[in-house]
Amino acid sequence: MKLTTLICCAFLIAFGIFAAIYALSGFDLLLFLCAGNSIIYRSLLSLAGIGALWLLFWLIAFRPTKPLS
């Protein structure tokens, strides 16, 4: 469970960096890494959505910020 959460966090951080590069320069690094293949590109984007949903579930189910209050 912890490993899955760490993988999802790393995946979303990588997508955030790719999005920042695209926003600042106009160069889509993720599309470049996918060699222009739209099927691979869309599947990686869907994995980012799944990672975000997993982290949302993890935050709701395990409430890691509860000991802070």
N, C-alpha and C. Protein backbone atom coordinates (compact mmCIF):
# COMPACT_ATOMS: atom_id res chain seq x y z
N MET A 1 0.82 -1.18 0.00
CA MET A 1 0.00 0.00 0.00
C MET A 1 0.87 1.26 0.00
N LYS A 2 1.91 1.24 0.82
CA LYS A 2 2.80 2.40 0.88
C LYS A 2 3.58 2.54 -0.43
N LEU A 3 4.00 1.43 -1.00
CA LEU A 3 4.74 1.47 -2.25
C LEU A 3 3.87 2.04 -3.37
N THR A 4 2.62 1.63 -3.43
CA THR A 4 1.70 2.13 -4.44
C THR A 4 1.54 3.64 -4.31
N THR A 5 1.42 4.12 -3.08
CA THR A 5 1.27 5.55 -2.85
C THR A 5 2.52 6.30 -3.28
N LEU A 6 3.69 5.77 -2.99
CA LEU A 6 4.93 6.42 -3.40
C LEU A 6 5.09 6.44 -4.92
N ILE A 7 4.69 5.37 -5.57
CA ILE A 7 4.76 5.32 -7.04
C ILE A 7 3.82 6.35 -7.65
N CYS A 8 2.61 6.44 -7.11
CA CYS A 8 1.65 7.42 -7.62
C CYS A 8 2.14 8.85 -7.39
N CYS A 9 2.74 9.10 -6.25
CA CYS A 9 3.29 10.44 -5.98
C CYS A 9 4.41 10.77 -6.97
N ALA A 10 5.30 9.84 -7.19
CA ALA A 10 6.40 10.07 -8.12
C ALA A 10 5.88 10.29 -9.54
N PHE A 11 4.87 9.53 -9.92
CA PHE A 11 4.28 9.66 -11.25
C PHE A 11 3.65 11.03 -11.42
N LEU A 12 2.92 11.50 -10.42
CA LEU A 12 2.27 12.80 -10.52
C LEU A 12 3.28 13.95 -10.46
N ILE A 13 4.36 13.78 -9.72
CA ILE A 13 5.40 14.80 -9.72
C ILE A 13 6.05 14.90 -11.10
N ALA A 14 6.30 13.76 -11.72
CA ALA A 14 6.87 13.76 -13.07
C ALA A 14 5.92 14.44 -14.06
N PHE A 15 4.64 14.15 -13.96
CA PHE A 15 3.67 14.79 -14.85
C PHE A 15 3.58 16.29 -14.58
N GLY A 16 3.74 16.69 -13.35
CA GLY A 16 3.76 18.12 -13.03
C GLY A 16 4.95 18.82 -13.66
N ILE A 17 6.10 18.15 -13.64
CA ILE A 17 7.29 18.72 -14.28
C ILE A 17 7.09 18.81 -15.79
N PHE A 18 6.53 17.75 -16.39
CA PHE A 18 6.24 17.78 -17.82
C PHE A 18 5.28 18.91 -18.16
N ALA A 19 4.26 19.11 -17.34
CA ALA A 19 3.28 20.17 -17.58
C ALA A 19 3.92 21.55 -17.44
N ALA A 20 4.82 21.70 -16.46
CA ALA A 20 5.50 22.99 -16.29
C ALA A 20 6.39 23.30 -17.48
N ILE A 21 7.09 22.30 -17.99
CA ILE A 21 7.95 22.51 -19.17
C ILE A 21 7.09 22.91 -20.36
N TYR A 22 5.95 22.25 -20.52
CA TYR A 22 5.05 22.57 -21.63
C TYR A 22 4.48 23.98 -21.48
N ALA A 23 4.10 24.35 -20.26
CA ALA A 23 3.51 25.67 -20.03
C ALA A 23 4.53 26.79 -20.24
N LEU A 24 5.77 26.56 -19.85
CA LEU A 24 6.77 27.61 -19.93
C LEU A 24 7.45 27.71 -21.29
N SER A 25 7.56 26.60 -22.00
CA SER A 25 8.30 26.64 -23.27
C SER A 25 7.45 26.31 -24.49
N GLY A 26 6.32 25.65 -24.30
CA GLY A 26 5.52 25.24 -25.44
C GLY A 26 5.96 23.92 -26.04
N PHE A 27 6.98 23.29 -25.46
CA PHE A 27 7.48 22.00 -25.94
C PHE A 27 6.88 20.89 -25.09
N ASP A 28 6.16 19.98 -25.73
CA ASP A 28 5.51 18.89 -25.02
C ASP A 28 6.50 17.72 -24.87
N LEU A 29 7.18 17.69 -23.73
CA LEU A 29 8.21 16.68 -23.48
C LEU A 29 7.61 15.27 -23.41
N LEU A 30 6.42 15.14 -22.84
CA LEU A 30 5.80 13.82 -22.75
C LEU A 30 5.48 13.27 -24.14
N LEU A 31 4.96 14.10 -25.01
CA LEU A 31 4.68 13.66 -26.37
C LEU A 31 5.98 13.31 -27.10
N PHE A 32 7.03 14.05 -26.82
CA PHE A 32 8.34 13.75 -27.41
C PHE A 32 8.85 12.40 -26.92
N LEU A 33 8.71 12.13 -25.61
CA LEU A 33 9.15 10.85 -25.07
C LEU A 33 8.32 9.68 -25.58
N CYS A 34 7.08 9.95 -25.96
CA CYS A 34 6.21 8.91 -26.53
C CYS A 34 6.42 8.76 -28.03
N ALA A 35 7.37 9.50 -28.58
CA ALA A 35 7.70 9.47 -30.01
C ALA A 35 6.49 9.83 -30.88
N GLY A 36 5.64 10.71 -30.38
CA GLY A 36 4.50 11.17 -31.15
C GLY A 36 3.35 10.18 -31.23
N ASN A 37 3.45 9.06 -30.54
CA ASN A 37 2.38 8.04 -30.57
C ASN A 37 1.25 8.48 -29.64
N SER A 38 0.09 8.77 -30.23
CA SER A 38 -1.01 9.31 -29.44
C SER A 38 -1.63 8.27 -28.50
N ILE A 39 -1.54 6.99 -28.85
CA ILE A 39 -2.11 5.95 -27.99
C ILE A 39 -1.30 5.83 -26.70
N ILE A 40 0.02 5.83 -26.82
CA ILE A 40 0.86 5.78 -25.62
C ILE A 40 0.70 7.05 -24.81
N TYR A 41 0.63 8.18 -25.49
CA TYR A 41 0.46 9.47 -24.82
C TYR A 41 -0.83 9.51 -23.99
N ARG A 42 -1.92 9.08 -24.60
CA ARG A 42 -3.22 9.08 -23.89
C ARG A 42 -3.24 8.05 -22.77
N SER A 43 -2.58 6.92 -22.94
CA SER A 43 -2.57 5.92 -21.87
C SER A 43 -1.75 6.42 -20.68
N LEU A 44 -0.67 7.14 -20.91
CA LEU A 44 0.10 7.72 -19.81
C LEU A 44 -0.69 8.81 -19.10
N LEU A 45 -1.44 9.60 -19.86
CA LEU A 45 -2.29 10.61 -19.23
C LEU A 45 -3.38 9.97 -18.38
N SER A 46 -3.93 8.85 -18.84
CA SER A 46 -4.94 8.17 -18.03
C SER A 46 -4.33 7.57 -16.77
N LEU A 47 -3.08 7.13 -16.85
CA LEU A 47 -2.40 6.64 -15.64
C LEU A 47 -2.20 7.76 -14.62
N ALA A 48 -1.99 8.97 -15.11
CA ALA A 48 -1.88 10.10 -14.19
C ALA A 48 -3.21 10.34 -13.48
N GLY A 49 -4.31 10.18 -14.19
CA GLY A 49 -5.62 10.31 -13.56
C GLY A 49 -5.87 9.23 -12.52
N ILE A 50 -5.45 8.02 -12.83
CA ILE A 50 -5.60 6.92 -11.87
C ILE A 50 -4.74 7.17 -10.64
N GLY A 51 -3.53 7.67 -10.84
CA GLY A 51 -2.66 8.00 -9.72
C GLY A 51 -3.26 9.08 -8.83
N ALA A 52 -3.89 10.08 -9.45
CA ALA A 52 -4.54 11.13 -8.67
C ALA A 52 -5.72 10.59 -7.88
N LEU A 53 -6.49 9.71 -8.49
CA LEU A 53 -7.62 9.11 -7.77
C LEU A 53 -7.14 8.23 -6.63
N TRP A 54 -6.05 7.51 -6.82
CA TRP A 54 -5.49 6.68 -5.74
C TRP A 54 -5.07 7.56 -4.55
N LEU A 55 -4.40 8.67 -4.84
CA LEU A 55 -3.96 9.54 -3.77
C LEU A 55 -5.14 10.19 -3.05
N LEU A 56 -6.19 10.51 -3.80
CA LEU A 56 -7.40 11.03 -3.16
C LEU A 56 -8.02 10.00 -2.24
N PHE A 57 -8.10 8.74 -2.69
CA PHE A 57 -8.61 7.67 -1.84
C PHE A 57 -7.74 7.51 -0.60
N TRP A 58 -6.41 7.55 -0.77
CA TRP A 58 -5.48 7.37 0.34
C TRP A 58 -5.66 8.48 1.37
N LEU A 59 -5.84 9.71 0.89
CA LEU A 59 -6.03 10.83 1.81
C LEU A 59 -7.35 10.74 2.58
N ILE A 60 -8.38 10.23 1.93
CA ILE A 60 -9.68 10.10 2.59
C ILE A 60 -9.68 8.90 3.54
N ALA A 61 -9.15 7.78 3.09
CA ALA A 61 -9.23 6.55 3.88
C ALA A 61 -8.29 6.55 5.08
N PHE A 62 -7.10 7.07 4.93
CA PHE A 62 -6.11 6.94 5.99
C PHE A 62 -5.86 8.22 6.75
N ARG A 63 -6.35 9.32 6.25
CA ARG A 63 -6.26 10.62 6.92
C ARG A 63 -4.90 10.86 7.56
N PRO A 64 -3.87 11.01 6.74
CA PRO A 64 -2.51 11.17 7.29
C PRO A 64 -2.29 12.50 8.02
N THR A 65 -3.17 13.47 7.82
CA THR A 65 -3.00 14.76 8.48
C THR A 65 -3.72 14.83 9.82
N LYS A 66 -4.45 13.79 10.20
CA LYS A 66 -5.20 13.80 11.45
C LYS A 66 -4.29 13.98 12.68
N PRO A 67 -3.12 13.32 12.77
CA PRO A 67 -2.27 13.52 13.96
C PRO A 67 -1.73 14.96 14.08
N LEU A 68 -1.77 15.73 13.00
CA LEU A 68 -1.24 17.10 13.05
C LEU A 68 -2.18 18.06 13.79
N SER A 69 -3.45 17.74 13.85
CA SER A 69 -4.39 18.67 14.47
C SER A 69 -4.54 18.44 15.97
